[in-house]
Amino acid sequence: MKSFNQHGWLLRFASKVFKYFLLGLFGLLIALLFSAIVGFMPLIALLLSLLEQCFIKFAITVLCIVGVAVVLESIR
């Protein structure tokens, strides 16, 4: 008999990936805010290009993993 709090491995993996994605995004936004306060414009341009190129693709991937995990967990 399974306990109530036991979830599938894909849902646990998806939640960890989503958690670390949000932590990374939060850290990037803090760095962007700090560089804007200090006035370091080249770092702002670099962070915005990183956000535009990498994080958008990674966000789509994370949302797909979470969606698949939710569907598979609801089927199970």
PDB file of N, CA and C in Angstrom:
ATOM      1  N   MET A   1       0.840  -1.176   0.000  1.00  0.00           N
ATOM      2  CA  MET A   1       0.000   0.000   0.000  1.00  0.00           C
ATOM      3  C   MET A   1       0.889   1.245   0.000  1.00  0.00           C
ATOM      4  N   LYS A   2       0.607   2.139  -0.915  1.00  0.00           N
ATOM      5  CA  LYS A   2       1.406   3.355  -1.029  1.00  0.00           C
ATOM      6  C   LYS A   2       0.912   4.407  -0.045  1.00  0.00           C
ATOM      7  N   SER A   3       1.855   5.182   0.443  1.00  0.00           N
ATOM      8  CA  SER A   3       1.466   6.277   1.326  1.00  0.00           C
ATOM      9  C   SER A   3       0.883   7.419   0.501  1.00  0.00           C
ATOM     10  N   PHE A   4       0.214   8.317   1.174  1.00  0.00           N
ATOM     11  CA  PHE A   4      -0.480   9.406   0.490  1.00  0.00           C
ATOM     12  C   PHE A   4       0.490  10.394  -0.154  1.00  0.00           C
ATOM     13  N   ASN A   5       1.651  10.608   0.440  1.00  0.00           N
ATOM     14  CA  ASN A   5       2.582  11.624  -0.036  1.00  0.00           C
ATOM     15  C   ASN A   5       3.565  11.110  -1.072  1.00  0.00           C
ATOM     16  N   GLN A   6       3.487   9.851  -1.441  1.00  0.00           N
ATOM     17  CA  GLN A   6       4.446   9.306  -2.390  1.00  0.00           C
ATOM     18  C   GLN A   6       3.994   9.625  -3.814  1.00  0.00           C
ATOM     19  N   HIS A   7       4.837  10.334  -4.537  1.00  0.00           N
ATOM     20  CA  HIS A   7       4.552  10.687  -5.922  1.00  0.00           C
ATOM     21  C   HIS A   7       5.522   9.946  -6.823  1.00  0.00           C
ATOM     22  N   GLY A   8       5.251   9.987  -8.103  1.00  0.00           N
ATOM     23  CA  GLY A   8       6.112   9.335  -9.070  1.00  0.00           C
ATOM     24  C   GLY A   8       7.441  10.061  -9.212  1.00  0.00           C
ATOM     25  N   TRP A   9       8.412   9.348  -9.756  1.00  0.00           N
ATOM     26  CA  TRP A   9       9.756   9.919  -9.878  1.00  0.00           C
ATOM     27  C   TRP A   9       9.771  11.090 -10.857  1.00  0.00           C
ATOM     28  N   LEU A  10       8.930  11.039 -11.880  1.00  0.00           N
ATOM     29  CA  LEU A  10       8.917  12.126 -12.861  1.00  0.00           C
ATOM     30  C   LEU A  10       8.362  13.410 -12.253  1.00  0.00           C
ATOM     31  N   LEU A  11       7.366  13.292 -11.405  1.00  0.00           N
ATOM     32  CA  LEU A  11       6.817  14.483 -10.755  1.00  0.00           C
ATOM     33  C   LEU A  11       7.815  15.081  -9.771  1.00  0.00           C
ATOM     34  N   ARG A  12       8.525  14.224  -9.032  1.00  0.00           N
ATOM     35  CA  ARG A  12       9.559  14.731  -8.119  1.00  0.00           C
ATOM     36  C   ARG A  12      10.682  15.399  -8.907  1.00  0.00           C
ATOM     37  N   PHE A  13      11.089  14.790 -10.026  1.00  0.00           N
ATOM     38  CA  PHE A  13      12.132  15.373 -10.872  1.00  0.00           C
ATOM     39  C   PHE A  13      11.679  16.709 -11.450  1.00  0.00           C
ATOM     40  N   ALA A  14      10.440  16.758 -11.936  1.00  0.00           N
ATOM     41  CA  ALA A  14       9.916  17.992 -12.527  1.00  0.00           C
ATOM     42  C   ALA A  14       9.825  19.107 -11.497  1.00  0.00           C
ATOM     43  N   SER A  15       9.448  18.764 -10.272  1.00  0.00           N
ATOM     44  CA  SER A  15       9.359  19.805  -9.249  1.00  0.00           C
ATOM     45  C   SER A  15      10.742  20.323  -8.861  1.00  0.00           C
ATOM     46  N   LYS A  16      11.741  19.445  -8.831  1.00  0.00           N
ATOM     47  CA  LYS A  16      13.104  19.911  -8.539  1.00  0.00           C
ATOM     48  C   LYS A  16      13.645  20.778  -9.668  1.00  0.00           C
ATOM     49  N   VAL A  17      13.408  20.376 -10.910  1.00  0.00           N
ATOM     50  CA  VAL A  17      13.866  21.174 -12.052  1.00  0.00           C
ATOM     51  C   VAL A  17      13.188  22.535 -12.043  1.00  0.00           C
ATOM     52  N   PHE A  18      11.891  22.562 -11.767  1.00  0.00           N
ATOM     53  CA  PHE A  18      11.154  23.818 -11.725  1.00  0.00           C
ATOM     54  C   PHE A  18      11.647  24.711 -10.591  1.00  0.00           C
ATOM     55  N   LYS A  19      11.941  24.107  -9.439  1.00  0.00           N
ATOM     56  CA  LYS A  19      12.433  24.876  -8.298  1.00  0.00           C
ATOM     57  C   LYS A  19      13.776  25.520  -8.622  1.00  0.00           C
ATOM     58  N   TYR A  20      14.702  24.752  -9.194  1.00  0.00           N
ATOM     59  CA  TYR A  20      16.013  25.311  -9.498  1.00  0.00           C
ATOM     60  C   TYR A  20      15.965  26.290 -10.668  1.00  0.00           C
ATOM     61  N   PHE A  21      15.022  26.102 -11.580  1.00  0.00           N
ATOM     62  CA  PHE A  21      14.838  27.080 -12.649  1.00  0.00           C
ATOM     63  C   PHE A  21      14.389  28.418 -12.071  1.00  0.00           C
ATOM     64  N   LEU A  22      13.435  28.376 -11.152  1.00  0.00           N
ATOM     65  CA  LEU A  22      12.968  29.622 -10.537  1.00  0.00           C
ATOM     66  C   LEU A  22      14.052  30.276  -9.691  1.00  0.00           C
ATOM     67  N   LEU A  23      14.855  29.470  -8.993  1.00  0.00           N
ATOM     68  CA  LEU A  23      15.968  30.037  -8.227  1.00  0.00           C
ATOM     69  C   LEU A  23      16.994  30.700  -9.146  1.00  0.00           C
ATOM     70  N   GLY A  24      17.295  30.067 -10.264  1.00  0.00           N
ATOM     71  CA  GLY A  24      18.226  30.656 -11.223  1.00  0.00           C
ATOM     72  C   GLY A  24      17.687  31.936 -11.831  1.00  0.00           C
ATOM     73  N   LEU A  25      16.408  31.936 -12.148  1.00  0.00           N
ATOM     74  CA  LEU A  25      15.784  33.136 -12.697  1.00  0.00           C
ATOM     75  C   LEU A  25      15.779  34.268 -11.680  1.00  0.00           C
ATOM     76  N   PHE A  26      15.515  33.942 -10.429  1.00  0.00           N
ATOM     77  CA  PHE A  26      15.539  34.939  -9.364  1.00  0.00           C
ATOM     78  C   PHE A  26      16.943  35.510  -9.190  1.00  0.00           C
ATOM     79  N   GLY A  27      17.961  34.652  -9.231  1.00  0.00           N
ATOM     80  CA  GLY A  27      19.345  35.117  -9.128  1.00  0.00           C
ATOM     81  C   GLY A  27      19.740  36.002 -10.296  1.00  0.00           C
ATOM     82  N   LEU A  28      19.293  35.637 -11.487  1.00  0.00           N
ATOM     83  CA  LEU A  28      19.584  36.456 -12.664  1.00  0.00           C
ATOM     84  C   LEU A  28      18.904  37.816 -12.562  1.00  0.00           C
ATOM     85  N   LEU A  29      17.695  37.836 -12.071  1.00  0.00           N
ATOM     86  CA  LEU A  29      16.990  39.111 -11.922  1.00  0.00           C
ATOM     87  C   LEU A  29      17.617  39.985 -10.844  1.00  0.00           C
ATOM     88  N   ILE A  30      18.125  39.381  -9.775  1.00  0.00           N
ATOM     89  CA  ILE A  30      18.829  40.162  -8.752  1.00  0.00           C
ATOM     90  C   ILE A  30      20.115  40.741  -9.327  1.00  0.00           C
ATOM     91  N   ALA A  31      20.848  39.942 -10.109  1.00  0.00           N
ATOM     92  CA  ALA A  31      22.069  40.453 -10.738  1.00  0.00           C
ATOM     93  C   ALA A  31      21.750  41.574 -11.719  1.00  0.00           C
ATOM     94  N   LEU A  32      20.655  41.439 -12.441  1.00  0.00           N
ATOM     95  CA  LEU A  32      20.238  42.488 -13.372  1.00  0.00           C
ATOM     96  C   LEU A  32      19.863  43.764 -12.625  1.00  0.00           C
ATOM     97  N   LEU A  33      19.147  43.625 -11.541  1.00  0.00           N
ATOM     98  CA  LEU A  33      18.762  44.784 -10.738  1.00  0.00           C
ATOM     99  C   LEU A  33      19.978  45.454 -10.114  1.00  0.00           C
ATOM    100  N   PHE A  34      20.890  44.662  -9.587  1.00  0.00           N
ATOM    101  CA  PHE A  34      22.097  45.210  -8.974  1.00  0.00           C
ATOM    102  C   PHE A  34      22.971  45.933 -10.005  1.00  0.00           C
ATOM    103  N   SER A  35      23.105  45.348 -11.197  1.00  0.00           N
ATOM    104  CA  SER A  35      23.913  46.014 -12.219  1.00  0.00           C
ATOM    105  C   SER A  35      23.232  47.279 -12.733  1.00  0.00           C
ATOM    106  N   ALA A  36      21.909  47.324 -12.705  1.00  0.00           N
ATOM    107  CA  ALA A  36      21.206  48.545 -13.104  1.00  0.00           C
ATOM    108  C   ALA A  36      21.388  49.637 -12.061  1.00  0.00           C
ATOM    109  N   ILE A  37      21.395  49.259 -10.781  1.00  0.00           N
ATOM    110  CA  ILE A  37      21.604  50.242  -9.717  1.00  0.00           C
ATOM    111  C   ILE A  37      23.010  50.804  -9.778  1.00  0.00           C
ATOM    112  N   VAL A  38      23.990  49.936  -9.993  1.00  0.00           N
ATOM    113  CA  VAL A  38      25.389  50.365 -10.043  1.00  0.00           C
ATOM    114  C   VAL A  38      25.672  51.132 -11.335  1.00  0.00           C
ATOM    115  N   GLY A  39      24.940  50.808 -12.392  1.00  0.00           N
ATOM    116  CA  GLY A  39      25.130  51.501 -13.657  1.00  0.00           C
ATOM    117  C   GLY A  39      26.097  50.812 -14.589  1.00  0.00           C
ATOM    118  N   PHE A  40      26.212  49.507 -14.476  1.00  0.00           N
ATOM    119  CA  PHE A  40      27.136  48.741 -15.312  1.00  0.00           C
ATOM    120  C   PHE A  40      26.371  48.227 -16.527  1.00  0.00           C
ATOM    121  N   MET A  41      26.309  49.049 -17.570  1.00  0.00           N
ATOM    122  CA  MET A  41      25.481  48.765 -18.738  1.00  0.00           C
ATOM    123  C   MET A  41      25.913  47.537 -19.550  1.00  0.00           C
ATOM    124  N   PRO A  42      27.219  47.248 -19.717  1.00  0.00           N
ATOM    125  CA  PRO A  42      27.564  46.038 -20.489  1.00  0.00           C
ATOM    126  C   PRO A  42      27.055  44.749 -19.841  1.00  0.00           C
ATOM    127  N   LEU A  43      27.033  44.707 -18.519  1.00  0.00           N
ATOM    128  CA  LEU A  43      26.517  43.519 -17.837  1.00  0.00           C
ATOM    129  C   LEU A  43      25.010  43.401 -18.030  1.00  0.00           C
ATOM    130  N   ILE A  44      24.327  44.513 -18.069  1.00  0.00           N
ATOM    131  CA  ILE A  44      22.884  44.482 -18.307  1.00  0.00           C
ATOM    132  C   ILE A  44      22.595  43.915 -19.689  1.00  0.00           C
ATOM    133  N   ALA A  45      23.346  44.349 -20.682  1.00  0.00           N
ATOM    134  CA  ALA A  45      23.149  43.837 -22.038  1.00  0.00           C
ATOM    135  C   ALA A  45      23.462  42.344 -22.112  1.00  0.00           C
ATOM    136  N   LEU A  46      24.514  41.915 -21.418  1.00  0.00           N
ATOM    137  CA  LEU A  46      24.876  40.499 -21.409  1.00  0.00           C
ATOM    138  C   LEU A  46      23.798  39.660 -20.725  1.00  0.00           C
ATOM    139  N   LEU A  47      23.299  40.128 -19.592  1.00  0.00           N
ATOM    140  CA  LEU A  47      22.275  39.373 -18.875  1.00  0.00           C
ATOM    141  C   LEU A  47      20.963  39.312 -19.651  1.00  0.00           C
ATOM    142  N   LEU A  48      20.607  40.388 -20.314  1.00  0.00           N
ATOM    143  CA  LEU A  48      19.379  40.369 -21.105  1.00  0.00           C
ATOM    144  C   LEU A  48      19.497  39.453 -22.316  1.00  0.00           C
ATOM    145  N   SER A  49      20.670  39.410 -22.942  1.00  0.00           N
ATOM    146  CA  SER A  49      20.843  38.486 -24.064  1.00  0.00           C
ATOM    147  C   SER A  49      20.846  37.038 -23.585  1.00  0.00           C
ATOM    148  N   LEU A  50      21.422  36.783 -22.398  1.00  0.00           N
ATOM    149  CA  LEU A  50      21.383  35.443 -21.821  1.00  0.00           C
ATOM    150  C   LEU A  50      19.948  35.043 -21.504  1.00  0.00           C
ATOM    151  N   LEU A  51      19.202  35.966 -20.951  1.00  0.00           N
ATOM    152  CA  LEU A  51      17.807  35.697 -20.633  1.00  0.00           C
ATOM    153  C   LEU A  51      17.006  35.419 -21.901  1.00  0.00           C
ATOM    154  N   GLU A  52      17.288  36.182 -22.932  1.00  0.00           N
ATOM    155  CA  GLU A  52      16.559  36.036 -24.184  1.00  0.00           C
ATOM    156  C   GLU A  52      16.883  34.720 -24.885  1.00  0.00           C
ATOM    157  N   GLN A  53      18.148  34.327 -24.896  1.00  0.00           N
ATOM    158  CA  GLN A  53      18.553  33.152 -25.664  1.00  0.00           C
ATOM    159  C   GLN A  53      18.384  31.850 -24.896  1.00  0.00           C
ATOM    160  N   CYS A  54      18.866  31.795 -23.678  1.00  0.00           N
ATOM    161  CA  CYS A  54      18.922  30.521 -22.953  1.00  0.00           C
ATOM    162  C   CYS A  54      17.697  30.265 -22.093  1.00  0.00           C
ATOM    163  N   PHE A  55      17.293  31.237 -21.327  1.00  0.00           N
ATOM    164  CA  PHE A  55      16.249  30.983 -20.344  1.00  0.00           C
ATOM    165  C   PHE A  55      14.881  30.772 -20.973  1.00  0.00           C
ATOM    166  N   ILE A  56      14.622  31.372 -22.118  1.00  0.00           N
ATOM    167  CA  ILE A  56      13.331  31.165 -22.776  1.00  0.00           C
ATOM    168  C   ILE A  56      13.210  29.714 -23.232  1.00  0.00           C
ATOM    169  N   LYS A  57      14.260  29.185 -23.846  1.00  0.00           N
ATOM    170  CA  LYS A  57      14.243  27.792 -24.295  1.00  0.00           C
ATOM    171  C   LYS A  57      14.175  26.837 -23.112  1.00  0.00           C
ATOM    172  N   PHE A  58      14.921  27.155 -22.061  1.00  0.00           N
ATOM    173  CA  PHE A  58      14.906  26.299 -20.881  1.00  0.00           C
ATOM    174  C   PHE A  58      13.552  26.356 -20.182  1.00  0.00           C
ATOM    175  N   ALA A  59      12.907  27.515 -20.192  1.00  0.00           N
ATOM    176  CA  ALA A  59      11.582  27.645 -19.578  1.00  0.00           C
ATOM    177  C   ALA A  59      10.554  26.797 -20.322  1.00  0.00           C
ATOM    178  N   ILE A  60      10.622  26.786 -21.624  1.00  0.00           N
ATOM    179  CA  ILE A  60       9.705  25.962 -22.413  1.00  0.00           C
ATOM    180  C   ILE A  60       9.939  24.487 -22.123  1.00  0.00           C
ATOM    181  N   THR A  61      11.206  24.092 -22.024  1.00  0.00           N
ATOM    182  CA  THR A  61      11.535  22.703 -21.710  1.00  0.00           C
ATOM    183  C   THR A  61      11.031  22.316 -20.326  1.00  0.00           C
ATOM    184  N   VAL A  62      11.233  23.185 -19.349  1.00  0.00           N
ATOM    185  CA  VAL A  62      10.778  22.903 -17.979  1.00  0.00           C
ATOM    186  C   VAL A  62       9.260  22.794 -17.934  1.00  0.00           C
ATOM    187  N   LEU A  63       8.559  23.675 -18.611  1.00  0.00           N
ATOM    188  CA  LEU A  63       7.100  23.610 -18.610  1.00  0.00           C
ATOM    189  C   LEU A  63       6.585  22.354 -19.298  1.00  0.00           C
ATOM    190  N   CYS A  64       7.277  21.895 -20.339  1.00  0.00           N
ATOM    191  CA  CYS A  64       6.890  20.637 -20.988  1.00  0.00           C
ATOM    192  C   CYS A  64       7.108  19.450 -20.059  1.00  0.00           C
ATOM    193  N   ILE A  65       8.225  19.440 -19.332  1.00  0.00           N
ATOM    194  CA  ILE A  65       8.493  18.355 -18.380  1.00  0.00           C
ATOM    195  C   ILE A  65       7.438  18.348 -17.279  1.00  0.00           C
ATOM    196  N   VAL A  66       7.106  19.520 -16.764  1.00  0.00           N
ATOM    197  CA  VAL A  66       6.088  19.609 -15.713  1.00  0.00           C
ATOM    198  C   VAL A  66       4.727  19.162 -16.251  1.00  0.00           C
ATOM    199  N   GLY A  67       4.397  19.556 -17.456  1.00  0.00           N
ATOM    200  CA  GLY A  67       3.120  19.149 -18.048  1.00  0.00           C
ATOM    201  C   GLY A  67       3.015  17.648 -18.244  1.00  0.00           C
ATOM    202  N   VAL A  68       4.078  17.042 -18.750  1.00  0.00           N
ATOM    203  CA  VAL A  68       4.088  15.588 -18.932  1.00  0.00           C
ATOM    204  C   VAL A  68       3.991  14.886 -17.587  1.00  0.00           C
ATOM    205  N   ALA A  69       4.697  15.397 -16.588  1.00  0.00           N
ATOM    206  CA  ALA A  69       4.659  14.785 -15.258  1.00  0.00           C
ATOM    207  C   ALA A  69       3.266  14.871 -14.650  1.00  0.00           C
ATOM    208  N   VAL A  70       2.599  15.989 -14.819  1.00  0.00           N
ATOM    209  CA  VAL A  70       1.249  16.147 -14.267  1.00  0.00           C
ATOM    210  C   VAL A  70       0.273  15.205 -14.967  1.00  0.00           C
ATOM    211  N   VAL A  71       0.378  15.095 -16.284  1.00  0.00           N
ATOM    212  CA  VAL A  71      -0.520  14.204 -17.020  1.00  0.00           C
ATOM    213  C   VAL A  71      -0.275  12.751 -16.627  1.00  0.00           C
ATOM    214  N   LEU A  72       0.989  12.339 -16.564  1.00  0.00           N
ATOM    215  CA  LEU A  72       1.290  10.955 -16.192  1.00  0.00           C
ATOM    216  C   LEU A  72       0.899  10.652 -14.752  1.00  0.00           C
ATOM    217  N   GLU A  73       1.048  11.621 -13.870  1.00  0.00           N
ATOM    218  CA  GLU A  73       0.658  11.405 -12.473  1.00  0.00           C
ATOM    219  C   GLU A  73      -0.861  11.313 -12.340  1.00  0.00           C
ATOM    220  N   SER A  74      -1.588  12.065 -13.140  1.00  0.00           N
ATOM    221  CA  SER A  74      -3.045  11.993 -13.060  1.00  0.00           C
ATOM    222  C   SER A  74      -3.573  10.693 -13.671  1.00  0.00           C
ATOM    223  N   ILE A  75      -2.865  10.160 -14.654  1.00  0.00           N
ATOM    224  CA  ILE A  75      -3.260   8.874 -15.233  1.00  0.00           C
ATOM    225  C   ILE A  75      -3.003   7.747 -14.245  1.00  0.00           C
ATOM    226  N   ARG A  76      -1.889   7.855 -13.547  1.00  0.00           N
ATOM    227  CA  ARG A  76      -1.496   6.813 -12.594  1.00  0.00           C
ATOM    228  C   ARG A  76      -2.458   6.825 -11.446  1.00  0.00           C
TER     229      ARG A  76
END
